[in-house]
Amino acid sequence: MARKTAQYQVTDAGRDKGKVFVITEMPASQAEKWAMRAFLAMAQSGVELPDGVADLGFAGIVRMGVQALAKIPFDQAEPLMDEMMACVQIMPSTSNPSIVRPLVEDDIEEIATRLKIRAQVLSLHSGFSIGDGQSTSAPSPA
């Protein structure tokens, strides 16, 4: 079975309005390592982790909340943030949805867009929405 994908179209006013981003699920081994590094960084930062939450992987991170991730020191958070964005590509033209390409620096012009895309990455990997209420994500057919 192929890895899951989702599309996120920016609906907010701003420089990114109308842009479509394609998010692809990490391979299981990479997602497991990402989640473990995030849990270890949270634990080292004093975040109290409920028993068994680390066993839930990305779903456990969503359960803990993005606020728990925000307590990680930046030097530990930055590689996790970069790895999240490596799951994201842009669809440069909605008239030809079969064309997607890796992101370049100028593809995302609003900080809010980056934050919403990160929420979509977590949602795709965890299997449920973290409730930003602004998503137009829909899983792609497998």
Protein backbone atom coordinates (compact mmCIF):
# COMPACT_ATOMS: atom_id res chain seq x y z
CA MET A 1 0.00 0.00 0.00
CA ALA A 2 1.26 3.47 -0.83
CA ARG A 3 2.00 6.08 1.77
CA LYS A 4 -0.85 8.47 2.56
CA THR A 5 -0.95 11.91 1.01
CA ALA A 6 -3.10 14.95 1.64
CA GLN A 7 -3.60 18.29 -0.03
CA TYR A 8 -3.83 21.54 1.86
CA GLN A 9 -5.11 24.63 0.06
CA VAL A 10 -4.57 27.98 1.74
CA THR A 11 -7.88 29.76 2.11
CA ASP A 12 -6.76 32.65 4.32
CA ALA A 13 -6.25 36.10 2.87
CA GLY A 14 -2.59 36.85 2.30
CA ARG A 15 0.25 36.11 -0.04
CA ASP A 16 -0.28 32.35 0.08
CA LYS A 17 -4.04 32.39 -0.67
CA GLY A 18 -4.95 29.70 -3.19
CA LYS A 19 -1.63 27.85 -3.02
CA VAL A 20 -1.91 24.08 -2.79
CA PHE A 21 0.56 21.97 -0.83
CA VAL A 22 0.88 18.20 -1.03
CA ILE A 23 1.91 16.38 2.14
CA THR A 24 3.28 12.83 1.96
CA GLU A 25 3.47 10.51 4.93
CA MET A 26 6.97 9.61 6.14
CA PRO A 27 8.02 5.96 5.95
CA ALA A 28 7.13 4.16 9.19
CA SER A 29 10.75 3.90 10.37
CA GLN A 30 11.36 7.62 9.85
CA ALA A 31 8.07 8.59 11.54
CA GLU A 32 8.89 6.36 14.52
CA LYS A 33 12.32 7.95 14.92
CA TRP A 34 10.88 11.46 14.52
CA ALA A 35 8.26 10.84 17.20
CA MET A 36 10.80 9.27 19.58
CA ARG A 37 13.19 12.24 19.17
CA ALA A 38 10.28 14.60 19.84
CA PHE A 39 9.22 12.69 22.98
CA LEU A 40 12.80 12.53 24.28
CA ALA A 41 13.26 16.27 23.70
CA MET A 42 9.97 17.00 25.49
CA ALA A 43 10.94 14.79 28.43
CA GLN A 44 14.37 16.46 28.68
CA SER A 45 12.61 19.83 28.67
CA GLY A 46 10.49 18.93 31.68
CA VAL A 47 7.25 18.13 29.89
CA GLU A 48 5.36 15.49 31.86
CA LEU A 49 4.54 12.64 29.52
CA PRO A 50 1.60 10.43 30.48
CA ASP A 51 2.34 6.71 30.71
CA GLY A 52 2.25 5.04 27.31
CA VAL A 53 1.94 8.24 25.27
CA ALA A 54 5.27 7.63 23.52
CA ASP A 55 3.90 4.31 22.25
CA LEU A 56 1.32 6.27 20.25
CA GLY A 57 3.93 7.95 18.01
CA PHE A 58 2.59 10.96 16.10
CA ALA A 59 -0.86 10.39 17.60
CA GLY A 60 0.70 10.75 21.04
CA ILE A 61 2.30 14.03 20.02
CA VAL A 62 -1.07 15.32 18.82
CA ARG A 63 -2.59 14.14 22.11
CA MET A 64 0.10 16.01 24.06
CA GLY A 65 -0.57 19.11 22.02
CA VAL A 66 1.58 21.41 19.98
CA GLN A 67 2.12 23.45 23.16
CA ALA A 68 4.23 20.59 24.54
CA LEU A 69 6.40 20.68 21.42
CA ALA A 70 6.85 24.42 21.94
CA LYS A 71 8.73 23.68 25.18
CA ILE A 72 11.57 21.97 23.32
CA PRO A 73 14.77 24.06 23.04
CA PHE A 74 15.19 25.40 19.52
CA ASP A 75 18.42 23.51 18.83
CA GLN A 76 16.48 20.26 19.36
CA ALA A 77 13.28 21.47 17.68
CA GLU A 78 14.86 22.81 14.49
CA PRO A 79 15.80 19.43 12.95
CA LEU A 80 12.33 18.11 13.82
CA MET A 81 10.75 21.16 12.17
CA ASP A 82 12.91 20.75 9.07
CA GLU A 83 12.03 17.08 8.80
CA MET A 84 8.32 17.91 9.00
CA MET A 85 8.62 20.32 6.08
CA ALA A 86 10.51 17.70 4.04
CA CYS A 87 7.11 15.93 3.76
CA VAL A 88 5.66 18.94 1.94
CA GLN A 89 5.68 19.77 -1.75
CA ILE A 90 3.86 22.47 -3.70
CA MET A 91 1.46 22.08 -6.59
CA PRO A 92 2.52 25.11 -8.66
CA SER A 93 -0.60 25.08 -10.82
CA THR A 94 -4.01 23.76 -9.84
CA SER A 95 -4.78 23.38 -13.56
CA ASN A 96 -2.26 20.51 -13.67
CA PRO A 97 -2.48 18.69 -10.31
CA SER A 98 -0.15 15.92 -11.44
CA ILE A 99 2.81 18.32 -11.20
CA VAL A 100 4.26 18.78 -7.73
CA ARG A 101 7.77 19.82 -6.75
CA PRO A 102 9.84 20.23 -3.59
CA LEU A 103 9.48 23.51 -1.74
CA VAL A 104 11.83 26.43 -2.29
CA GLU A 105 12.19 29.27 0.20
CA ASP A 106 9.76 31.65 -1.53
CA ASP A 107 6.92 29.12 -1.89
CA ILE A 108 5.52 29.91 1.56
CA GLU A 109 5.32 33.61 2.30
CA GLU A 110 3.25 33.70 5.49
CA ILE A 111 4.25 32.35 8.91
CA ALA A 112 0.63 31.33 9.52
CA THR A 113 0.75 29.13 6.43
CA ARG A 114 3.83 27.32 7.74
CA LEU A 115 2.11 26.68 11.07
CA LYS A 116 -1.03 25.34 9.40
CA ILE A 117 1.02 23.09 7.14
CA ARG A 118 2.82 21.69 10.20
CA ALA A 119 -0.57 20.95 11.75
CA GLN A 120 -1.51 19.11 8.55
CA VAL A 121 1.70 17.05 8.71
CA LEU A 122 0.84 16.00 12.27
CA SER A 123 -2.75 15.25 11.28
CA LEU A 124 -1.73 13.09 8.33
CA HIS A 125 0.68 11.06 10.45
CA SER A 126 -1.61 10.71 13.45
CA GLY A 127 -4.80 9.91 11.58
CA PHE A 128 -6.87 12.70 13.09
CA SER A 129 -7.09 16.47 12.98
CA ILE A 130 -5.61 18.65 15.65
CA GLY A 131 -8.57 20.95 15.14
CA ASP A 132 -7.32 24.07 13.44
CA GLY A 133 -10.68 24.23 11.67
CA GLN A 134 -9.17 25.88 8.60
CA SER A 135 -7.99 22.85 6.69
CA THR A 136 -9.14 21.82 3.28
CA SER A 137 -7.17 18.59 3.55
CA ALA A 138 -8.54 15.43 2.14
CA PRO A 139 -6.69 12.14 1.95
CA SER A 140 -5.73 11.18 -1.57
CA PRO A 141 -7.04 7.91 -2.89
CA ALA A 142 -4.64 5.06 -2.18
